[in-house]
Amino acid sequence: MIEILRRFIASEAMPDYRIMIGISILALIANSACLYLLQKSKKPISHQKGLLILKELTILVLMKKIKNTLNVIKYNERKYRKQTQVKKH
């Protein structure tokens, strides 16, 4: 919460979206590999079952994060194009 307020007040530049997407993809790969290894185990014990559920949810969240970041980029590009078109006329 403090970080959000600091960015709002200090008016810093937006974080680089390529870094955000890159880190999310790396995390997605790592979590997918962990999920694969957990699913391969012959007799999962109770805490492994819980870990399976958490890994599945983490993968879904990471995929949604990447999708939403790409949507924000697309929205900002459209907004920028509209602004430049208005200035030309």
N, C-alpha and C. Protein backbone atom coordinates (compact mmCIF):
# COMPACT_ATOMS: atom_id res chain seq x y z
N MET A 1 0.83 -1.19 0.00
CA MET A 1 0.00 0.00 0.00
C MET A 1 0.87 1.25 0.00
N ILE A 2 1.94 1.21 0.76
CA ILE A 2 2.85 2.36 0.83
C ILE A 2 3.47 2.62 -0.54
N GLU A 3 3.82 1.55 -1.24
CA GLU A 3 4.42 1.69 -2.57
C GLU A 3 3.43 2.35 -3.55
N ILE A 4 2.18 1.99 -3.46
CA ILE A 4 1.16 2.59 -4.33
C ILE A 4 1.04 4.09 -4.06
N LEU A 5 0.98 4.45 -2.79
CA LEU A 5 0.90 5.87 -2.43
C LEU A 5 2.15 6.63 -2.87
N ARG A 6 3.30 6.02 -2.69
CA ARG A 6 4.55 6.67 -3.10
C ARG A 6 4.57 6.93 -4.60
N ARG A 7 4.16 5.96 -5.37
CA ARG A 7 4.13 6.15 -6.83
C ARG A 7 3.10 7.19 -7.25
N PHE A 8 1.97 7.22 -6.54
CA PHE A 8 0.93 8.20 -6.87
C PHE A 8 1.40 9.62 -6.56
N ILE A 9 2.04 9.81 -5.42
CA ILE A 9 2.48 11.14 -5.01
C ILE A 9 3.71 11.58 -5.79
N ALA A 10 4.67 10.68 -5.97
CA ALA A 10 5.94 11.04 -6.61
C ALA A 10 5.83 11.13 -8.12
N SER A 11 4.77 10.62 -8.69
CA SER A 11 4.54 10.61 -10.14
C SER A 11 5.75 10.10 -10.91
N GLU A 12 6.20 8.92 -10.54
CA GLU A 12 7.29 8.26 -11.24
C GLU A 12 6.81 7.73 -12.58
N ALA A 13 7.77 7.40 -13.42
CA ALA A 13 7.42 6.77 -14.68
C ALA A 13 6.88 5.36 -14.41
N MET A 14 6.04 4.91 -15.30
CA MET A 14 5.47 3.57 -15.16
C MET A 14 6.58 2.52 -15.28
N PRO A 15 6.45 1.41 -14.57
CA PRO A 15 7.45 0.34 -14.69
C PRO A 15 7.48 -0.21 -16.12
N ASP A 16 8.62 -0.71 -16.51
CA ASP A 16 8.76 -1.27 -17.85
C ASP A 16 7.94 -2.55 -17.96
N TYR A 17 7.00 -2.56 -18.86
CA TYR A 17 6.10 -3.70 -18.99
C TYR A 17 6.83 -4.94 -19.49
N ARG A 18 7.91 -4.77 -20.25
CA ARG A 18 8.64 -5.93 -20.76
C ARG A 18 9.28 -6.72 -19.62
N ILE A 19 9.77 -6.00 -18.61
CA ILE A 19 10.36 -6.68 -17.44
C ILE A 19 9.26 -7.42 -16.69
N MET A 20 8.11 -6.78 -16.52
CA MET A 20 6.99 -7.42 -15.80
C MET A 20 6.55 -8.70 -16.51
N ILE A 21 6.41 -8.63 -17.82
CA ILE A 21 5.98 -9.80 -18.57
C ILE A 21 7.06 -10.88 -18.54
N GLY A 22 8.32 -10.48 -18.67
CA GLY A 22 9.42 -11.45 -18.65
C GLY A 22 9.49 -12.21 -17.34
N ILE A 23 9.40 -11.49 -16.23
CA ILE A 23 9.44 -12.14 -14.92
C ILE A 23 8.21 -13.05 -14.73
N SER A 24 7.06 -12.60 -15.20
CA SER A 24 5.85 -13.42 -15.09
C SER A 24 5.98 -14.70 -15.91
N ILE A 25 6.58 -14.61 -17.08
CA ILE A 25 6.76 -15.81 -17.92
C ILE A 25 7.74 -16.77 -17.25
N LEU A 26 8.83 -16.24 -16.68
CA LEU A 26 9.78 -17.10 -15.96
C LEU A 26 9.10 -17.80 -14.78
N ALA A 27 8.30 -17.05 -14.04
CA ALA A 27 7.58 -17.64 -12.90
C ALA A 27 6.57 -18.68 -13.38
N LEU A 28 5.93 -18.42 -14.51
CA LEU A 28 4.98 -19.36 -15.08
C LEU A 28 5.67 -20.67 -15.47
N ILE A 29 6.84 -20.56 -16.07
CA ILE A 29 7.61 -21.75 -16.46
C ILE A 29 8.02 -22.54 -15.21
N ALA A 30 8.53 -21.84 -14.20
CA ALA A 30 8.98 -22.52 -12.98
C ALA A 30 7.81 -23.20 -12.27
N ASN A 31 6.69 -22.52 -12.16
CA ASN A 31 5.53 -23.11 -11.50
C ASN A 31 4.96 -24.28 -12.30
N SER A 32 5.00 -24.18 -13.61
CA SER A 32 4.52 -25.28 -14.45
C SER A 32 5.40 -26.52 -14.27
N ALA A 33 6.73 -26.29 -14.19
CA ALA A 33 7.64 -27.42 -13.98
C ALA A 33 7.39 -28.06 -12.62
N CYS A 34 7.19 -27.24 -11.59
CA CYS A 34 6.88 -27.78 -10.25
C CYS A 34 5.58 -28.57 -10.26
N LEU A 35 4.57 -28.03 -10.93
CA LEU A 35 3.28 -28.72 -11.00
C LEU A 35 3.43 -30.06 -11.71
N TYR A 36 4.21 -30.08 -12.78
CA TYR A 36 4.44 -31.33 -13.52
C TYR A 36 5.11 -32.36 -12.62
N LEU A 37 6.15 -31.94 -11.89
CA LEU A 37 6.85 -32.87 -11.01
C LEU A 37 5.95 -33.37 -9.88
N LEU A 38 5.12 -32.49 -9.33
CA LEU A 38 4.21 -32.91 -8.27
C LEU A 38 3.16 -33.89 -8.79
N GLN A 39 2.68 -33.67 -9.99
CA GLN A 39 1.67 -34.56 -10.56
C GLN A 39 2.25 -35.92 -10.91
N LYS A 40 3.57 -35.97 -11.14
CA LYS A 40 4.23 -37.22 -11.49
C LYS A 40 4.39 -38.16 -10.29
N SER A 41 4.35 -37.61 -9.09
CA SER A 41 4.61 -38.45 -7.92
C SER A 41 3.54 -39.54 -7.80
N LYS A 42 3.97 -40.71 -7.42
CA LYS A 42 3.08 -41.88 -7.38
C LYS A 42 2.01 -41.77 -6.30
N LYS A 43 2.45 -41.50 -5.07
CA LYS A 43 1.52 -41.42 -3.95
C LYS A 43 1.69 -40.07 -3.26
N PRO A 44 0.94 -39.06 -3.73
CA PRO A 44 1.10 -37.75 -3.07
C PRO A 44 0.53 -37.78 -1.65
N ILE A 45 1.29 -37.20 -0.73
CA ILE A 45 0.79 -37.09 0.64
C ILE A 45 -0.06 -35.82 0.76
N SER A 46 -0.68 -35.65 1.89
CA SER A 46 -1.70 -34.60 2.02
C SER A 46 -1.18 -33.20 1.72
N HIS A 47 0.02 -32.85 2.19
CA HIS A 47 0.48 -31.49 1.92
C HIS A 47 0.84 -31.30 0.45
N GLN A 48 1.17 -32.40 -0.26
CA GLN A 48 1.42 -32.29 -1.69
C GLN A 48 0.14 -32.00 -2.45
N LYS A 49 -0.97 -32.53 -1.98
CA LYS A 49 -2.26 -32.25 -2.63
C LYS A 49 -2.59 -30.77 -2.51
N GLY A 50 -2.34 -30.22 -1.33
CA GLY A 50 -2.57 -28.79 -1.14
C GLY A 50 -1.64 -27.96 -2.01
N LEU A 51 -0.39 -28.40 -2.12
CA LEU A 51 0.58 -27.70 -2.95
C LEU A 51 0.18 -27.75 -4.42
N LEU A 52 -0.39 -28.88 -4.86
CA LEU A 52 -0.88 -28.99 -6.23
C LEU A 52 -1.95 -27.93 -6.51
N ILE A 53 -2.87 -27.79 -5.59
CA ILE A 53 -3.94 -26.80 -5.77
C ILE A 53 -3.36 -25.39 -5.83
N LEU A 54 -2.42 -25.09 -4.93
CA LEU A 54 -1.82 -23.76 -4.91
C LEU A 54 -1.03 -23.48 -6.19
N LYS A 55 -0.31 -24.47 -6.69
CA LYS A 55 0.46 -24.28 -7.93
C LYS A 55 -0.49 -24.04 -9.11
N GLU A 56 -1.59 -24.78 -9.16
CA GLU A 56 -2.56 -24.57 -10.23
C GLU A 56 -3.12 -23.15 -10.19
N LEU A 57 -3.44 -22.69 -8.99
CA LEU A 57 -3.98 -21.34 -8.85
C LEU A 57 -2.93 -20.28 -9.20
N THR A 58 -1.68 -20.53 -8.80
CA THR A 58 -0.61 -19.59 -9.12
C THR A 58 -0.42 -19.48 -10.62
N ILE A 59 -0.49 -20.60 -11.31
CA ILE A 59 -0.34 -20.59 -12.77
C ILE A 59 -1.48 -19.80 -13.40
N LEU A 60 -2.70 -19.99 -12.92
CA LEU A 60 -3.83 -19.22 -13.45
C LEU A 60 -3.65 -17.72 -13.22
N VAL A 61 -3.19 -17.37 -12.03
CA VAL A 61 -2.98 -15.95 -11.71
C VAL A 61 -1.91 -15.35 -12.60
N LEU A 62 -0.81 -16.07 -12.81
CA LEU A 62 0.26 -15.57 -13.67
C LEU A 62 -0.21 -15.39 -15.11
N MET A 63 -1.01 -16.33 -15.60
CA MET A 63 -1.52 -16.20 -16.96
C MET A 63 -2.45 -14.98 -17.08
N LYS A 64 -3.26 -14.76 -16.07
CA LYS A 64 -4.15 -13.59 -16.09
C LYS A 64 -3.34 -12.30 -15.97
N LYS A 65 -2.27 -12.32 -15.20
CA LYS A 65 -1.42 -11.14 -15.05
C LYS A 65 -0.79 -10.78 -16.39
N ILE A 66 -0.29 -11.76 -17.10
CA ILE A 66 0.31 -11.51 -18.42
C ILE A 66 -0.75 -10.98 -19.38
N LYS A 67 -1.93 -11.59 -19.39
CA LYS A 67 -3.02 -11.16 -20.27
C LYS A 67 -3.43 -9.72 -19.97
N ASN A 68 -3.57 -9.40 -18.68
CA ASN A 68 -3.99 -8.05 -18.30
C ASN A 68 -2.92 -7.01 -18.61
N THR A 69 -1.66 -7.37 -18.45
CA THR A 69 -0.58 -6.45 -18.81
C THR A 69 -0.62 -6.16 -20.30
N LEU A 70 -0.84 -7.19 -21.11
CA LEU A 70 -0.93 -6.97 -22.55
C LEU A 70 -2.15 -6.13 -22.90
N ASN A 71 -3.27 -6.31 -22.19
CA ASN A 71 -4.45 -5.48 -22.42
C ASN A 71 -4.19 -4.01 -22.09
N VAL A 72 -3.47 -3.76 -21.01
CA VAL A 72 -3.14 -2.37 -20.65
C VAL A 72 -2.25 -1.75 -21.71
N ILE A 73 -1.29 -2.50 -22.21
CA ILE A 73 -0.41 -1.99 -23.26
C ILE A 73 -1.23 -1.64 -24.50
N LYS A 74 -2.14 -2.54 -24.88
CA LYS A 74 -2.98 -2.30 -26.05
C LYS A 74 -3.85 -1.06 -25.85
N TYR A 75 -4.43 -0.91 -24.66
CA TYR A 75 -5.26 0.25 -24.36
C TYR A 75 -4.44 1.54 -24.45
N ASN A 76 -3.24 1.53 -23.88
CA ASN A 76 -2.40 2.73 -23.91
C ASN A 76 -1.99 3.08 -25.32
N GLU A 77 -1.72 2.08 -26.17
CA GLU A 77 -1.38 2.36 -27.56
C GLU A 77 -2.55 3.00 -28.30
N ARG A 78 -3.77 2.49 -28.08
CA ARG A 78 -4.96 3.08 -28.72
C ARG A 78 -5.15 4.52 -28.26
N LYS A 79 -4.99 4.73 -26.96
CA LYS A 79 -5.16 6.07 -26.40
C LYS A 79 -4.13 7.03 -27.00
N TYR A 80 -2.90 6.56 -27.13
CA TYR A 80 -1.84 7.39 -27.70
C TYR A 80 -2.14 7.71 -29.16
N ARG A 81 -2.62 6.71 -29.94
CA ARG A 81 -2.95 6.94 -31.35
C ARG A 81 -4.07 7.96 -31.49
N LYS A 82 -5.08 7.86 -30.63
CA LYS A 82 -6.20 8.81 -30.69
C LYS A 82 -5.71 10.22 -30.37
N GLN A 83 -4.81 10.36 -29.41
CA GLN A 83 -4.29 11.67 -29.05
C GLN A 83 -3.49 12.27 -30.20
N THR A 84 -2.70 11.46 -30.88
CA THR A 84 -1.90 11.98 -31.98
C THR A 84 -2.79 12.33 -33.17
N GLN A 85 -3.88 11.58 -33.39
CA GLN A 85 -4.79 11.90 -34.48
C GLN A 85 -5.52 13.20 -34.23
N VAL A 86 -5.88 13.46 -32.98
CA VAL A 86 -6.57 14.69 -32.63
C VAL A 86 -5.65 15.89 -32.84
N LYS A 87 -4.39 15.76 -32.52
CA LYS A 87 -3.43 16.85 -32.67
C LYS A 87 -3.16 17.17 -34.14
N LYS A 88 -3.25 16.16 -35.03
CA LYS A 88 -3.02 16.38 -36.46
C LYS A 88 -4.14 17.19 -37.09
N HIS A 89 -5.37 17.05 -36.57
CA HIS A 89 -6.52 17.74 -37.19
C HIS A 89 -6.64 19.10 -36.67
